[in-house]
Amino acid sequence: AGAARAVRDALDAVGGSGSPAGSALWYVAGLQMSIRDWALRDGWNGKRVEKSEAKGILVAALGVLARYYGYERAPRPRRETSMHA
């Protein structure tokens, strides 16, 4: 029950199982379907998506999950540029 709840919470964090990100995570990360197969066979809502678009959806979903679980990197301080020649 705890694992099922954790999966539901993770999918909810990316927009739910019916969202593009949720679908990508479920099939690619969860069921180990290739990105290509997910994009061509299932895609989002049963509609095919381009392979490059599918990659972007998955990367975005993983980024949201990283933040959700507290793994987001701290932003790098900006380097000030000098105008001195």
N, C-alpha and C. Protein backbone atom coordinates (compact mmCIF):
# COMPACT_ATOMS: atom_id res chain seq x y z
N ALA A 1 0.83 -1.19 0.00
CA ALA A 1 0.00 0.00 0.00
C ALA A 1 0.87 1.25 0.00
N GLY A 2 1.97 1.23 0.75
CA GLY A 2 2.86 2.38 0.81
C GLY A 2 3.52 2.68 -0.52
N ALA A 3 3.93 1.63 -1.22
CA ALA A 3 4.59 1.81 -2.52
C ALA A 3 3.60 2.35 -3.55
N ALA A 4 2.38 1.83 -3.53
CA ALA A 4 1.36 2.29 -4.47
C ALA A 4 1.05 3.77 -4.23
N ARG A 5 1.01 4.16 -2.98
CA ARG A 5 0.75 5.56 -2.63
C ARG A 5 1.89 6.45 -3.11
N ALA A 6 3.13 5.97 -2.95
CA ALA A 6 4.30 6.74 -3.39
C ALA A 6 4.27 6.94 -4.90
N VAL A 7 3.86 5.91 -5.64
CA VAL A 7 3.77 6.02 -7.10
C VAL A 7 2.68 7.02 -7.47
N ARG A 8 1.53 6.93 -6.83
CA ARG A 8 0.44 7.88 -7.10
C ARG A 8 0.87 9.31 -6.80
N ASP A 9 1.56 9.50 -5.68
CA ASP A 9 2.03 10.84 -5.32
C ASP A 9 3.03 11.37 -6.34
N ALA A 10 3.93 10.51 -6.80
CA ALA A 10 4.92 10.93 -7.81
C ALA A 10 4.23 11.31 -9.11
N LEU A 11 3.27 10.51 -9.55
CA LEU A 11 2.54 10.82 -10.78
C LEU A 11 1.73 12.10 -10.61
N ASP A 12 1.14 12.29 -9.44
CA ASP A 12 0.39 13.53 -9.18
C ASP A 12 1.31 14.74 -9.24
N ALA A 13 2.55 14.58 -8.79
CA ALA A 13 3.51 15.69 -8.78
C ALA A 13 3.83 16.18 -10.19
N VAL A 14 3.68 15.31 -11.19
CA VAL A 14 3.97 15.71 -12.57
C VAL A 14 2.70 15.96 -13.39
N GLY A 15 1.55 15.99 -12.72
CA GLY A 15 0.32 16.31 -13.43
C GLY A 15 -0.68 15.18 -13.51
N GLY A 16 -0.39 14.06 -12.88
CA GLY A 16 -1.30 12.93 -12.89
C GLY A 16 -0.99 11.93 -13.98
N SER A 17 -1.58 10.75 -13.86
CA SER A 17 -1.27 9.68 -14.81
C SER A 17 -1.79 9.98 -16.21
N GLY A 18 -2.76 10.88 -16.34
CA GLY A 18 -3.28 11.22 -17.65
C GLY A 18 -2.53 12.33 -18.36
N SER A 19 -1.56 12.92 -17.68
CA SER A 19 -0.76 13.99 -18.28
C SER A 19 0.34 13.40 -19.15
N PRO A 20 0.90 14.18 -20.06
CA PRO A 20 2.01 13.67 -20.87
C PRO A 20 3.17 13.19 -20.00
N ALA A 21 3.52 13.97 -18.97
CA ALA A 21 4.64 13.60 -18.10
C ALA A 21 4.32 12.34 -17.31
N GLY A 22 3.11 12.26 -16.79
CA GLY A 22 2.71 11.07 -16.03
C GLY A 22 2.72 9.82 -16.88
N SER A 23 2.23 9.94 -18.10
CA SER A 23 2.23 8.81 -19.02
C SER A 23 3.65 8.36 -19.35
N ALA A 24 4.51 9.32 -19.64
CA ALA A 24 5.91 8.99 -19.95
C ALA A 24 6.58 8.29 -18.78
N LEU A 25 6.39 8.82 -17.58
CA LEU A 25 7.00 8.20 -16.41
C LEU A 25 6.48 6.79 -16.19
N TRP A 26 5.18 6.61 -16.32
CA TRP A 26 4.59 5.30 -16.08
C TRP A 26 5.14 4.26 -17.05
N TYR A 27 5.10 4.58 -18.34
CA TYR A 27 5.50 3.59 -19.34
C TYR A 27 7.01 3.46 -19.49
N VAL A 28 7.73 4.57 -19.51
CA VAL A 28 9.17 4.52 -19.77
C VAL A 28 9.95 4.18 -18.50
N ALA A 29 9.72 4.93 -17.44
CA ALA A 29 10.47 4.67 -16.20
C ALA A 29 9.89 3.49 -15.43
N GLY A 30 8.57 3.41 -15.37
CA GLY A 30 7.94 2.35 -14.58
C GLY A 30 7.90 1.00 -15.25
N LEU A 31 7.46 0.96 -16.50
CA LEU A 31 7.32 -0.31 -17.21
C LEU A 31 8.50 -0.62 -18.13
N GLN A 32 9.49 0.26 -18.14
CA GLN A 32 10.72 0.10 -18.92
C GLN A 32 10.49 -0.02 -20.42
N MET A 33 9.46 0.66 -20.91
CA MET A 33 9.23 0.74 -22.35
C MET A 33 10.22 1.76 -22.91
N SER A 34 10.72 1.55 -24.09
CA SER A 34 11.64 2.52 -24.66
C SER A 34 10.88 3.82 -24.99
N ILE A 35 11.61 4.91 -25.01
CA ILE A 35 10.99 6.19 -25.36
C ILE A 35 10.39 6.10 -26.76
N ARG A 36 11.12 5.48 -27.65
CA ARG A 36 10.63 5.32 -29.03
C ARG A 36 9.31 4.57 -29.06
N ASP A 37 9.26 3.43 -28.35
CA ASP A 37 8.03 2.64 -28.34
C ASP A 37 6.87 3.41 -27.70
N TRP A 38 7.16 4.11 -26.61
CA TRP A 38 6.10 4.89 -25.97
C TRP A 38 5.59 5.97 -26.93
N ALA A 39 6.52 6.64 -27.60
CA ALA A 39 6.14 7.73 -28.51
C ALA A 39 5.31 7.21 -29.69
N LEU A 40 5.71 6.07 -30.24
CA LEU A 40 5.03 5.56 -31.43
C LEU A 40 3.77 4.76 -31.13
N ARG A 41 3.79 3.98 -30.07
CA ARG A 41 2.65 3.10 -29.79
C ARG A 41 1.60 3.77 -28.92
N ASP A 42 2.03 4.30 -27.79
CA ASP A 42 1.08 4.82 -26.83
C ASP A 42 1.05 6.34 -26.81
N GLY A 43 2.23 6.93 -26.71
CA GLY A 43 2.28 8.38 -26.65
C GLY A 43 1.44 8.92 -25.53
N TRP A 44 0.92 10.09 -25.73
CA TRP A 44 0.09 10.71 -24.71
C TRP A 44 -1.37 10.60 -25.12
N ASN A 45 -2.18 10.05 -24.24
CA ASN A 45 -3.61 9.87 -24.51
C ASN A 45 -3.87 9.02 -25.75
N GLY A 46 -2.97 8.07 -26.01
CA GLY A 46 -3.12 7.20 -27.16
C GLY A 46 -2.73 7.84 -28.48
N LYS A 47 -2.21 9.05 -28.44
CA LYS A 47 -1.80 9.74 -29.67
C LYS A 47 -0.28 9.70 -29.78
N ARG A 48 0.19 9.37 -30.95
CA ARG A 48 1.63 9.35 -31.18
C ARG A 48 2.24 10.72 -30.97
N VAL A 49 3.49 10.71 -30.50
CA VAL A 49 4.25 11.96 -30.40
C VAL A 49 5.59 11.73 -31.07
N GLU A 50 6.21 12.79 -31.51
CA GLU A 50 7.53 12.68 -32.12
C GLU A 50 8.54 12.23 -31.06
N LYS A 51 9.55 11.49 -31.51
CA LYS A 51 10.55 10.97 -30.58
C LYS A 51 11.24 12.09 -29.80
N SER A 52 11.59 13.17 -30.48
CA SER A 52 12.25 14.28 -29.78
C SER A 52 11.32 14.92 -28.76
N GLU A 53 10.05 15.01 -29.09
CA GLU A 53 9.07 15.55 -28.15
C GLU A 53 8.92 14.62 -26.94
N ALA A 54 8.91 13.31 -27.21
CA ALA A 54 8.81 12.33 -26.13
C ALA A 54 9.99 12.44 -25.17
N LYS A 55 11.18 12.63 -25.73
CA LYS A 55 12.37 12.80 -24.88
C LYS A 55 12.22 14.04 -24.00
N GLY A 56 11.75 15.12 -24.58
CA GLY A 56 11.56 16.35 -23.82
C GLY A 56 10.54 16.19 -22.71
N ILE A 57 9.47 15.48 -23.00
CA ILE A 57 8.44 15.22 -21.99
C ILE A 57 9.04 14.44 -20.82
N LEU A 58 9.82 13.41 -21.14
CA LEU A 58 10.41 12.59 -20.09
C LEU A 58 11.43 13.37 -19.27
N VAL A 59 12.28 14.14 -19.94
CA VAL A 59 13.29 14.93 -19.22
C VAL A 59 12.60 15.95 -18.30
N ALA A 60 11.56 16.59 -18.80
CA ALA A 60 10.83 17.55 -17.97
C ALA A 60 10.20 16.86 -16.76
N ALA A 61 9.61 15.70 -16.99
CA ALA A 61 8.99 14.95 -15.89
C ALA A 61 10.02 14.56 -14.84
N LEU A 62 11.19 14.13 -15.28
CA LEU A 62 12.24 13.76 -14.34
C LEU A 62 12.74 14.98 -13.57
N GLY A 63 12.79 16.12 -14.23
CA GLY A 63 13.18 17.35 -13.54
C GLY A 63 12.18 17.74 -12.46
N VAL A 64 10.90 17.60 -12.76
CA VAL A 64 9.87 17.90 -11.76
C VAL A 64 9.99 16.93 -10.59
N LEU A 65 10.21 15.65 -10.89
CA LEU A 65 10.37 14.66 -9.81
C LEU A 65 11.59 14.96 -8.95
N ALA A 66 12.67 15.37 -9.58
CA ALA A 66 13.88 15.70 -8.81
C ALA A 66 13.57 16.81 -7.82
N ARG A 67 12.85 17.80 -8.27
CA ARG A 67 12.48 18.90 -7.37
C ARG A 67 11.51 18.40 -6.29
N TYR A 68 10.55 17.60 -6.67
CA TYR A 68 9.56 17.05 -5.74
C TYR A 68 10.24 16.27 -4.61
N TYR A 69 11.25 15.50 -4.95
CA TYR A 69 11.95 14.69 -3.95
C TYR A 69 13.13 15.42 -3.30
N GLY A 70 13.34 16.68 -3.65
CA GLY A 70 14.37 17.48 -3.01
C GLY A 70 15.76 17.30 -3.56
N TYR A 71 15.88 16.80 -4.79
CA TYR A 71 17.20 16.58 -5.39
C TYR A 71 17.63 17.70 -6.32
N GLU A 72 16.87 18.77 -6.38
CA GLU A 72 17.21 19.86 -7.28
C GLU A 72 18.51 20.51 -6.82
N ARG A 73 19.37 20.77 -7.75
CA ARG A 73 20.63 21.45 -7.44
C ARG A 73 20.37 22.90 -7.07
N ALA A 74 21.19 23.39 -6.18
CA ALA A 74 21.10 24.81 -5.84
C ALA A 74 21.58 25.61 -7.04
N PRO A 75 20.94 26.73 -7.32
CA PRO A 75 21.38 27.53 -8.46
C PRO A 75 22.81 28.03 -8.26
N ARG A 76 23.54 28.06 -9.35
CA ARG A 76 24.93 28.53 -9.29
C ARG A 76 24.92 30.05 -9.19
N PRO A 77 25.79 30.58 -8.36
CA PRO A 77 25.86 32.04 -8.28
C PRO A 77 26.34 32.62 -9.60
N ARG A 78 25.76 33.73 -9.98
CA ARG A 78 26.15 34.37 -11.24
C ARG A 78 27.50 35.03 -11.07
N ARG A 79 28.31 34.87 -12.08
CA ARG A 79 29.61 35.55 -12.08
C ARG A 79 29.42 36.95 -12.61
N GLU A 80 29.96 37.87 -11.88
CA GLU A 80 29.86 39.26 -12.34
C GLU A 80 30.93 39.49 -13.37
N THR A 81 30.54 40.14 -14.44
CA THR A 81 31.52 40.45 -15.48
C THR A 81 32.00 41.87 -15.31
N SER A 82 33.24 42.04 -15.53
CA SER A 82 33.86 43.35 -15.38
C SER A 82 33.92 44.03 -16.74
N MET A 83 33.69 45.30 -16.75
CA MET A 83 33.74 46.06 -17.99
C MET A 83 35.10 46.73 -18.16
N HIS A 84 36.07 46.37 -17.31
CA HIS A 84 37.41 46.96 -17.39
C HIS A 84 38.21 46.28 -18.49
N ALA A 85 38.93 47.10 -19.24
CA ALA A 85 39.75 46.55 -20.32
C ALA A 85 41.20 46.57 -19.94
